[in-house]
Amino acid sequence: MSTTELTWFKSSYSGSQGDSCIEVAVTQQAVHVRDSKDVTRPDFTVGRVGWANFVRYAARG
């Protein structure tokens, strides 16, 4: 699946100014992450289990 076929979304915590934001797209196999300020750059892809571990870790602060 190409990145143009993915449905990208930003966090609800993202500001309206467009700075320091990432976008994610979720598929059955992986989570794709990209810089919302430059969507022409390659995205970073991580497995769903790895993403879940990252989110749990980040939520702990």
N, C-alpha and C. Protein backbone atom coordinates (compact mmCIF):
# COMPACT_ATOMS: atom_id res chain seq x y z
N MET A 1 0.85 -1.18 0.00
CA MET A 1 0.00 0.00 0.00
C MET A 1 0.89 1.24 0.00
N SER A 2 0.64 2.14 -0.92
CA SER A 2 1.43 3.36 -0.97
C SER A 2 0.92 4.37 0.05
N THR A 3 1.76 5.32 0.40
CA THR A 3 1.36 6.31 1.40
C THR A 3 0.22 7.19 0.93
N THR A 4 0.02 7.31 -0.37
CA THR A 4 -1.11 8.12 -0.87
C THR A 4 -2.43 7.39 -0.68
N GLU A 5 -2.40 6.08 -0.51
CA GLU A 5 -3.62 5.30 -0.29
C GLU A 5 -4.00 5.22 1.19
N LEU A 6 -3.12 5.65 2.06
CA LEU A 6 -3.38 5.57 3.50
C LEU A 6 -4.26 6.73 3.96
N THR A 7 -5.00 6.51 5.03
CA THR A 7 -5.80 7.56 5.65
C THR A 7 -5.01 8.10 6.83
N TRP A 8 -4.50 9.32 6.70
CA TRP A 8 -3.64 9.94 7.70
C TRP A 8 -4.48 10.79 8.64
N PHE A 9 -4.08 10.82 9.93
CA PHE A 9 -4.74 11.72 10.87
C PHE A 9 -3.75 12.24 11.89
N LYS A 10 -4.06 13.41 12.43
CA LYS A 10 -3.23 14.04 13.48
C LYS A 10 -3.87 13.81 14.83
N SER A 11 -3.07 13.89 15.85
CA SER A 11 -3.57 13.80 17.22
C SER A 11 -4.51 14.96 17.51
N SER A 12 -5.49 14.71 18.35
CA SER A 12 -6.39 15.78 18.78
C SER A 12 -5.64 16.80 19.64
N TYR A 13 -4.45 16.45 20.10
CA TYR A 13 -3.63 17.37 20.89
C TYR A 13 -2.82 18.32 20.01
N SER A 14 -2.82 18.10 18.70
CA SER A 14 -2.07 18.96 17.80
C SER A 14 -2.69 20.35 17.76
N GLY A 15 -1.84 21.34 17.74
CA GLY A 15 -2.32 22.71 17.67
C GLY A 15 -2.74 23.09 16.27
N SER A 16 -3.42 24.20 16.14
CA SER A 16 -3.88 24.66 14.83
C SER A 16 -2.77 25.41 14.08
N GLN A 17 -1.63 25.64 14.72
CA GLN A 17 -0.54 26.38 14.12
C GLN A 17 0.28 25.55 13.13
N GLY A 18 0.14 24.22 13.17
CA GLY A 18 0.84 23.35 12.23
C GLY A 18 2.27 23.05 12.59
N ASP A 19 2.68 23.36 13.81
CA ASP A 19 4.06 23.10 14.20
C ASP A 19 4.16 21.84 15.06
N SER A 20 5.28 21.16 14.92
CA SER A 20 5.60 19.99 15.75
C SER A 20 4.51 18.92 15.74
N CYS A 21 3.97 18.61 14.60
CA CYS A 21 2.92 17.60 14.51
C CYS A 21 3.39 16.40 13.71
N ILE A 22 2.85 15.27 14.09
CA ILE A 22 3.02 14.08 13.28
C ILE A 22 1.64 13.61 12.86
N GLU A 23 1.61 12.81 11.82
CA GLU A 23 0.38 12.18 11.38
C GLU A 23 0.61 10.68 11.40
N VAL A 24 -0.43 9.92 11.67
CA VAL A 24 -0.32 8.47 11.66
C VAL A 24 -1.40 7.89 10.76
N ALA A 25 -1.10 6.74 10.22
CA ALA A 25 -2.05 5.96 9.43
C ALA A 25 -1.93 4.51 9.89
N VAL A 26 -3.05 3.90 10.19
CA VAL A 26 -3.05 2.55 10.75
C VAL A 26 -3.56 1.57 9.70
N THR A 27 -2.81 0.48 9.53
CA THR A 27 -3.24 -0.62 8.68
C THR A 27 -3.29 -1.88 9.54
N GLN A 28 -3.72 -2.98 8.96
CA GLN A 28 -3.76 -4.22 9.73
C GLN A 28 -2.38 -4.67 10.16
N GLN A 29 -1.37 -4.37 9.36
CA GLN A 29 -0.02 -4.85 9.65
C GLN A 29 0.84 -3.87 10.42
N ALA A 30 0.59 -2.56 10.29
CA ALA A 30 1.54 -1.59 10.83
C ALA A 30 0.90 -0.24 11.10
N VAL A 31 1.69 0.60 11.75
CA VAL A 31 1.33 2.00 11.94
C VAL A 31 2.40 2.82 11.22
N HIS A 32 1.96 3.72 10.37
CA HIS A 32 2.85 4.58 9.59
C HIS A 32 2.85 5.95 10.25
N VAL A 33 4.02 6.55 10.37
CA VAL A 33 4.17 7.85 11.03
C VAL A 33 4.92 8.78 10.07
N ARG A 34 4.44 10.03 9.96
CA ARG A 34 5.13 10.99 9.10
C ARG A 34 5.06 12.38 9.72
N ASP A 35 5.94 13.25 9.25
CA ASP A 35 5.99 14.65 9.66
C ASP A 35 4.91 15.40 8.89
N SER A 36 3.98 16.01 9.59
CA SER A 36 2.86 16.68 8.91
C SER A 36 3.31 17.95 8.17
N LYS A 37 4.48 18.47 8.52
CA LYS A 37 4.97 19.68 7.86
C LYS A 37 5.63 19.37 6.53
N ASP A 38 6.05 18.12 6.31
CA ASP A 38 6.71 17.74 5.06
C ASP A 38 6.30 16.32 4.70
N VAL A 39 5.14 16.18 4.11
CA VAL A 39 4.60 14.86 3.80
C VAL A 39 5.29 14.21 2.61
N THR A 40 6.21 14.91 1.97
CA THR A 40 6.95 14.32 0.85
C THR A 40 8.10 13.44 1.33
N ARG A 41 8.49 13.60 2.58
CA ARG A 41 9.56 12.77 3.13
C ARG A 41 9.02 11.37 3.42
N PRO A 42 9.90 10.37 3.44
CA PRO A 42 9.44 9.00 3.71
C PRO A 42 8.82 8.88 5.10
N ASP A 43 7.83 8.00 5.20
CA ASP A 43 7.22 7.77 6.51
C ASP A 43 8.01 6.69 7.24
N PHE A 44 7.80 6.62 8.54
CA PHE A 44 8.40 5.62 9.41
C PHE A 44 7.30 4.60 9.70
N THR A 45 7.62 3.34 9.56
CA THR A 45 6.62 2.30 9.78
C THR A 45 7.06 1.40 10.93
N VAL A 46 6.11 1.11 11.81
CA VAL A 46 6.38 0.25 12.96
C VAL A 46 5.23 -0.75 13.08
N GLY A 47 5.54 -1.94 13.56
CA GLY A 47 4.50 -2.95 13.76
C GLY A 47 3.51 -2.49 14.82
N ARG A 48 2.32 -3.05 14.78
CA ARG A 48 1.26 -2.63 15.71
C ARG A 48 1.63 -2.91 17.16
N VAL A 49 2.30 -4.01 17.43
CA VAL A 49 2.71 -4.33 18.81
C VAL A 49 3.75 -3.31 19.28
N GLY A 50 4.72 -3.00 18.42
CA GLY A 50 5.73 -2.00 18.77
C GLY A 50 5.11 -0.64 19.03
N TRP A 51 4.12 -0.26 18.22
CA TRP A 51 3.44 1.03 18.41
C TRP A 51 2.68 1.03 19.75
N ALA A 52 2.00 -0.06 20.05
CA ALA A 52 1.26 -0.14 21.32
C ALA A 52 2.22 -0.01 22.50
N ASN A 53 3.38 -0.65 22.41
CA ASN A 53 4.37 -0.53 23.48
C ASN A 53 4.86 0.91 23.62
N PHE A 54 5.11 1.58 22.49
CA PHE A 54 5.54 2.97 22.52
C PHE A 54 4.48 3.87 23.17
N VAL A 55 3.23 3.70 22.79
CA VAL A 55 2.14 4.53 23.33
C VAL A 55 2.01 4.31 24.82
N ARG A 56 2.09 3.07 25.29
CA ARG A 56 2.02 2.79 26.74
C ARG A 56 3.17 3.48 27.46
N TYR A 57 4.37 3.39 26.89
CA TYR A 57 5.54 4.02 27.49
C TYR A 57 5.37 5.55 27.54
N ALA A 58 4.94 6.13 26.43
CA ALA A 58 4.77 7.59 26.37
C ALA A 58 3.69 8.08 27.33
N ALA A 59 2.65 7.29 27.51
CA ALA A 59 1.55 7.68 28.40
C ALA A 59 1.99 7.75 29.86
N ARG A 60 3.02 7.02 30.20
CA ARG A 60 3.52 7.05 31.58
C ARG A 60 4.24 8.33 31.91
N GLY A 61 4.59 9.10 30.85
CA GLY A 61 5.23 10.40 31.03
C GLY A 61 6.66 10.28 31.34
